[in-house]
Amino acid sequence: MGKKIEIEDDCFAPRRYIFINYSGPDPFAFARLERKLLRPIFEVSSSKIGEPRWMWDWTGDPIQFYLHWIIKKPMSRFTTFWYSIRVVGFKYKTKNEGKFRMEIEAVARHKFEADSKLKRLFFWIYWYLFYARIRQRQLELCKEYAERFINKIKEMYKIGKIGEE
């Protein structure tokens, strides 16, 4: 294994996360439509979407849930976008109403193999001449994909303005 040059950018900089709070009918709707929402919005196959946590507690009233999705979107030989979507909420059994809080994180990771001084020198020349501009465009694109998802959730639940923390 050689040395690597790794750069990680938050796509929502200077913030790291965007939060969506919802209170109203059918807070589970996006969970049922998860595959229909995530695949076309982020333009990835099912193999690029992971669910490290998917927890429901049906025993009490209200029903509580915690969902976590990770989306990996390769963009170039050097760059991959990573999206993390976490949701915590509940729904009452007697009526189809509840609340959730969604946390969305978007990160662009740039990795370059640089196992010799010559490769590192070529990388910095390449960076200076080309990649710095390409990277800025990729960060805009990373944010655009996340905003597409946010806008779809806002449209789905008729949410006006979202809070930024």
C-alpha atoms as a PDB file:
ATOM      1  CA  MET A   1       0.000   0.000   0.000  1.00  0.00           C
ATOM      2  CA  GLY A   2       1.352   3.358  -1.028  1.00  0.00           C
ATOM      3  CA  LYS A   3       0.591   6.720   0.363  1.00  0.00           C
ATOM      4  CA  LYS A   4      -2.653   8.405  -0.527  1.00  0.00           C
ATOM      5  CA  ILE A   5      -3.733  11.983  -0.771  1.00  0.00           C
ATOM      6  CA  GLU A   6      -7.275  12.222   0.613  1.00  0.00           C
ATOM      7  CA  ILE A   7      -9.455  15.323   0.680  1.00  0.00           C
ATOM      8  CA  GLU A   8     -12.946  15.375   2.169  1.00  0.00           C
ATOM      9  CA  ASP A   9     -15.347  18.257   1.536  1.00  0.00           C
ATOM     10  CA  ASP A  10     -18.686  18.961   3.208  1.00  0.00           C
ATOM     11  CA  CYS A  11     -21.086  19.796   0.395  1.00  0.00           C
ATOM     12  CA  PHE A  12     -23.255  21.970   2.669  1.00  0.00           C
ATOM     13  CA  ALA A  13     -20.263  23.973   3.930  1.00  0.00           C
ATOM     14  CA  PRO A  14     -20.064  25.847   6.217  1.00  0.00           C
ATOM     15  CA  ARG A  15     -22.754  23.558   7.732  1.00  0.00           C
ATOM     16  CA  ARG A  16     -22.272  19.845   7.961  1.00  0.00           C
ATOM     17  CA  TYR A  17     -25.935  18.802   8.105  1.00  0.00           C
ATOM     18  CA  ILE A  18     -29.348  19.954   6.933  1.00  0.00           C
ATOM     19  CA  PHE A  19     -32.282  19.103   9.217  1.00  0.00           C
ATOM     20  CA  ILE A  20     -35.918  18.615   8.272  1.00  0.00           C
ATOM     21  CA  ASN A  21     -38.549  18.522  11.018  1.00  0.00           C
ATOM     22  CA  TYR A  22     -42.046  17.307  10.218  1.00  0.00           C
ATOM     23  CA  SER A  23     -45.213  16.949  12.238  1.00  0.00           C
ATOM     24  CA  GLY A  24     -48.416  15.718  10.623  1.00  0.00           C
ATOM     25  CA  PRO A  25     -50.093  12.828   8.834  1.00  0.00           C
ATOM     26  CA  ASP A  26     -48.267   9.702   7.610  1.00  0.00           C
ATOM     27  CA  PRO A  27     -44.682  10.296   8.771  1.00  0.00           C
ATOM     28  CA  PHE A  28     -43.700   6.807   7.428  1.00  0.00           C
ATOM     29  CA  ALA A  29     -44.559   7.589   3.789  1.00  0.00           C
ATOM     30  CA  PHE A  30     -40.976   8.233   2.680  1.00  0.00           C
ATOM     31  CA  ALA A  31     -39.818   4.968   4.292  1.00  0.00           C
ATOM     32  CA  ARG A  32     -42.282   2.971   2.162  1.00  0.00           C
ATOM     33  CA  LEU A  33     -41.156   4.817  -0.975  1.00  0.00           C
ATOM     34  CA  GLU A  34     -37.468   4.783  -0.088  1.00  0.00           C
ATOM     35  CA  ARG A  35     -36.264   2.840  -3.159  1.00  0.00           C
ATOM     36  CA  LYS A  36     -38.502   4.856  -5.490  1.00  0.00           C
ATOM     37  CA  LEU A  37     -37.123   8.088  -4.024  1.00  0.00           C
ATOM     38  CA  LEU A  38     -33.413   7.439  -3.550  1.00  0.00           C
ATOM     39  CA  ARG A  39     -32.519   5.588  -6.752  1.00  0.00           C
ATOM     40  CA  PRO A  40     -33.855   8.143  -9.273  1.00  0.00           C
ATOM     41  CA  ILE A  41     -32.933  11.238  -7.265  1.00  0.00           C
ATOM     42  CA  PHE A  42     -29.303  10.245  -6.695  1.00  0.00           C
ATOM     43  CA  GLU A  43     -29.110   8.320  -9.997  1.00  0.00           C
ATOM     44  CA  VAL A  44     -27.619   5.176  -8.472  1.00  0.00           C
ATOM     45  CA  SER A  45     -28.390   1.465  -8.550  1.00  0.00           C
ATOM     46  CA  SER A  46     -29.662  -0.475  -5.544  1.00  0.00           C
ATOM     47  CA  SER A  47     -26.153  -1.732  -4.839  1.00  0.00           C
ATOM     48  CA  LYS A  48     -25.042   1.837  -4.062  1.00  0.00           C
ATOM     49  CA  ILE A  49     -27.668   2.288  -1.318  1.00  0.00           C
ATOM     50  CA  GLY A  50     -27.033   0.807   2.108  1.00  0.00           C
ATOM     51  CA  GLU A  51     -29.201   0.570   5.208  1.00  0.00           C
ATOM     52  CA  PRO A  52     -26.899   0.177   8.220  1.00  0.00           C
ATOM     53  CA  ARG A  53     -29.790   0.795  10.638  1.00  0.00           C
ATOM     54  CA  TRP A  54     -33.503   0.202  10.179  1.00  0.00           C
ATOM     55  CA  MET A  55     -35.268  -0.041  13.536  1.00  0.00           C
ATOM     56  CA  TRP A  56     -38.969  -0.006  14.403  1.00  0.00           C
ATOM     57  CA  ASP A  57     -40.568  -0.400  17.825  1.00  0.00           C
ATOM     58  CA  TRP A  58     -44.136  -1.611  17.301  1.00  0.00           C
ATOM     59  CA  THR A  59     -44.703  -2.559  20.963  1.00  0.00           C
ATOM     60  CA  GLY A  60     -45.932   0.749  22.312  1.00  0.00           C
ATOM     61  CA  ASP A  61     -48.037   3.661  21.271  1.00  0.00           C
ATOM     62  CA  PRO A  62     -46.615   5.655  19.540  1.00  0.00           C
ATOM     63  CA  ILE A  63     -44.635   3.442  17.156  1.00  0.00           C
ATOM     64  CA  GLN A  64     -41.038   4.669  17.129  1.00  0.00           C
ATOM     65  CA  PHE A  65     -38.568   4.375  14.282  1.00  0.00           C
ATOM     66  CA  TYR A  66     -34.941   5.079  13.426  1.00  0.00           C
ATOM     67  CA  LEU A  67     -33.769   4.789   9.824  1.00  0.00           C
ATOM     68  CA  HIS A  68     -30.330   5.342   8.329  1.00  0.00           C
ATOM     69  CA  TRP A  69     -29.407   5.188   4.665  1.00  0.00           C
ATOM     70  CA  ILE A  70     -26.003   5.661   3.065  1.00  0.00           C
ATOM     71  CA  ILE A  71     -25.748   6.425  -0.630  1.00  0.00           C
ATOM     72  CA  LYS A  72     -22.457   6.081  -2.514  1.00  0.00           C
ATOM     73  CA  LYS A  73     -22.277   7.923  -5.835  1.00  0.00           C
ATOM     74  CA  PRO A  74     -19.000   7.512  -7.757  1.00  0.00           C
ATOM     75  CA  MET A  75     -18.367  10.621  -9.861  1.00  0.00           C
ATOM     76  CA  SER A  76     -14.899  10.161 -11.310  1.00  0.00           C
ATOM     77  CA  ARG A  77     -11.793   8.078 -10.897  1.00  0.00           C
ATOM     78  CA  PHE A  78     -10.808  10.240  -7.938  1.00  0.00           C
ATOM     79  CA  THR A  79     -14.120  11.462  -6.466  1.00  0.00           C
ATOM     80  CA  THR A  80     -17.047   9.784  -4.720  1.00  0.00           C
ATOM     81  CA  PHE A  81     -20.072  11.465  -3.167  1.00  0.00           C
ATOM     82  CA  TRP A  82     -21.381  10.009   0.102  1.00  0.00           C
ATOM     83  CA  TYR A  83     -24.822  10.875   1.445  1.00  0.00           C
ATOM     84  CA  SER A  84     -26.026   9.925   4.918  1.00  0.00           C
ATOM     85  CA  ILE A  85     -29.726  10.257   5.737  1.00  0.00           C
ATOM     86  CA  ARG A  86     -30.841   9.604   9.312  1.00  0.00           C
ATOM     87  CA  VAL A  87     -34.441   9.774  10.483  1.00  0.00           C
ATOM     88  CA  VAL A  88     -35.870   9.531  13.998  1.00  0.00           C
ATOM     89  CA  GLY A  89     -39.599   9.723  14.593  1.00  0.00           C
ATOM     90  CA  PHE A  90     -42.831   8.223  15.800  1.00  0.00           C
ATOM     91  CA  LYS A  91     -46.415   7.593  14.690  1.00  0.00           C
ATOM     92  CA  TYR A  92     -49.499   7.018  16.815  1.00  0.00           C
ATOM     93  CA  LYS A  93     -51.305   3.718  16.241  1.00  0.00           C
ATOM     94  CA  THR A  94     -54.759   5.174  16.748  1.00  0.00           C
ATOM     95  CA  LYS A  95     -54.344   7.904  14.145  1.00  0.00           C
ATOM     96  CA  ASN A  96     -51.994   8.130  11.206  1.00  0.00           C
ATOM     97  CA  GLU A  97     -50.083  11.133  12.561  1.00  0.00           C
ATOM     98  CA  GLY A  98     -46.667  11.630  14.050  1.00  0.00           C
ATOM     99  CA  LYS A  99     -43.344  13.435  13.816  1.00  0.00           C
ATOM    100  CA  PHE A 100     -39.880  12.895  12.445  1.00  0.00           C
ATOM    101  CA  ARG A 101     -36.548  14.648  12.314  1.00  0.00           C
ATOM    102  CA  MET A 102     -34.353  13.985   9.284  1.00  0.00           C
ATOM    103  CA  GLU A 103     -30.620  14.717   9.220  1.00  0.00           C
ATOM    104  CA  ILE A 104     -28.937  14.876   5.802  1.00  0.00           C
ATOM    105  CA  GLU A 105     -25.172  14.923   5.342  1.00  0.00           C
ATOM    106  CA  ALA A 106     -23.417  15.227   1.968  1.00  0.00           C
ATOM    107  CA  VAL A 107     -19.678  14.664   1.592  1.00  0.00           C
ATOM    108  CA  ALA A 108     -17.371  14.590  -1.439  1.00  0.00           C
ATOM    109  CA  ARG A 109     -14.254  12.438  -0.996  1.00  0.00           C
ATOM    110  CA  HIS A 110     -11.290  12.809  -3.299  1.00  0.00           C
ATOM    111  CA  LYS A 111      -8.580  10.080  -3.204  1.00  0.00           C
ATOM    112  CA  PHE A 112      -5.351   9.961  -5.145  1.00  0.00           C
ATOM    113  CA  GLU A 113      -2.675   7.273  -5.083  1.00  0.00           C
ATOM    114  CA  ALA A 114       0.650   8.996  -4.493  1.00  0.00           C
ATOM    115  CA  ASP A 115       3.188   6.340  -3.581  1.00  0.00           C
ATOM    116  CA  SER A 116       6.221   8.253  -4.828  1.00  0.00           C
ATOM    117  CA  LYS A 117       7.480  11.810  -4.734  1.00  0.00           C
ATOM    118  CA  LEU A 118       7.184  12.033  -8.515  1.00  0.00           C
ATOM    119  CA  LYS A 119       3.473  11.047  -8.420  1.00  0.00           C
ATOM    120  CA  ARG A 120       2.820  13.582  -5.655  1.00  0.00           C
ATOM    121  CA  LEU A 121       4.535  16.275  -7.732  1.00  0.00           C
ATOM    122  CA  PHE A 122       2.445  15.360 -10.799  1.00  0.00           C
ATOM    123  CA  PHE A 123      -0.679  15.380  -8.659  1.00  0.00           C
ATOM    124  CA  TRP A 124      -0.055  18.935  -7.405  1.00  0.00           C
ATOM    125  CA  ILE A 125       0.655  20.137 -10.944  1.00  0.00           C
ATOM    126  CA  TYR A 126      -2.544  18.444 -12.139  1.00  0.00           C
ATOM    127  CA  TRP A 127      -4.412  19.963  -9.179  1.00  0.00           C
ATOM    128  CA  TYR A 128      -3.148  23.449  -9.923  1.00  0.00           C
ATOM    129  CA  LEU A 129      -3.871  23.311 -13.658  1.00  0.00           C
ATOM    130  CA  PHE A 130      -7.158  21.368 -13.784  1.00  0.00           C
ATOM    131  CA  TYR A 131      -8.589  19.627 -10.778  1.00  0.00           C
ATOM    132  CA  ALA A 132      -9.224  22.615  -8.488  1.00  0.00           C
ATOM    133  CA  ARG A 133     -11.890  23.906 -10.909  1.00  0.00           C
ATOM    134  CA  ILE A 134     -13.311  20.434 -11.500  1.00  0.00           C
ATOM    135  CA  ARG A 135     -13.529  19.895  -7.743  1.00  0.00           C
ATOM    136  CA  GLN A 136     -15.532  23.110  -7.280  1.00  0.00           C
ATOM    137  CA  ARG A 137     -18.033  21.992  -9.927  1.00  0.00           C
ATOM    138  CA  GLN A 138     -18.281  18.575  -8.272  1.00  0.00           C
ATOM    139  CA  LEU A 139     -19.049  20.200  -4.907  1.00  0.00           C
ATOM    140  CA  GLU A 140     -21.881  22.156  -6.530  1.00  0.00           C
ATOM    141  CA  LEU A 141     -23.173  18.933  -8.083  1.00  0.00           C
ATOM    142  CA  CYS A 142     -22.946  17.125  -4.737  1.00  0.00           C
ATOM    143  CA  LYS A 143     -25.096  19.817  -3.149  1.00  0.00           C
ATOM    144  CA  GLU A 144     -27.556  19.753  -6.079  1.00  0.00           C
ATOM    145  CA  TYR A 145     -28.241  16.015  -5.607  1.00  0.00           C
ATOM    146  CA  ALA A 146     -28.886  16.535  -1.893  1.00  0.00           C
ATOM    147  CA  GLU A 147     -31.137  19.511  -2.597  1.00  0.00           C
ATOM    148  CA  ARG A 148     -33.154  17.408  -5.065  1.00  0.00           C
ATOM    149  CA  PHE A 149     -33.841  14.942  -2.273  1.00  0.00           C
ATOM    150  CA  ILE A 150     -34.688  17.719   0.205  1.00  0.00           C
ATOM    151  CA  ASN A 151     -37.073  19.335  -2.283  1.00  0.00           C
ATOM    152  CA  LYS A 152     -38.797  15.990  -2.908  1.00  0.00           C
ATOM    153  CA  ILE A 153     -39.334  15.470   0.839  1.00  0.00           C
ATOM    154  CA  LYS A 154     -40.595  19.056   1.192  1.00  0.00           C
ATOM    155  CA  GLU A 155     -43.013  18.513  -1.703  1.00  0.00           C
ATOM    156  CA  MET A 156     -44.143  15.138  -0.387  1.00  0.00           C
ATOM    157  CA  TYR A 157     -44.989  16.492   3.077  1.00  0.00           C
ATOM    158  CA  LYS A 158     -45.893  20.042   2.014  1.00  0.00           C
ATOM    159  CA  ILE A 159     -43.169  21.541   4.189  1.00  0.00           C
ATOM    160  CA  GLY A 160     -42.441  25.200   3.551  1.00  0.00           C
ATOM    161  CA  LYS A 161     -39.157  26.391   4.977  1.00  0.00           C
ATOM    162  CA  ILE A 162     -36.706  24.035   6.641  1.00  0.00           C
ATOM    163  CA  GLY A 163     -34.625  25.010   9.632  1.00  0.00           C
ATOM    164  CA  GLU A 164     -30.874  25.304   9.464  1.00  0.00           C
ATOM    165  CA  GLU A 165     -28.815  24.693  12.556  1.00  0.00           C
END
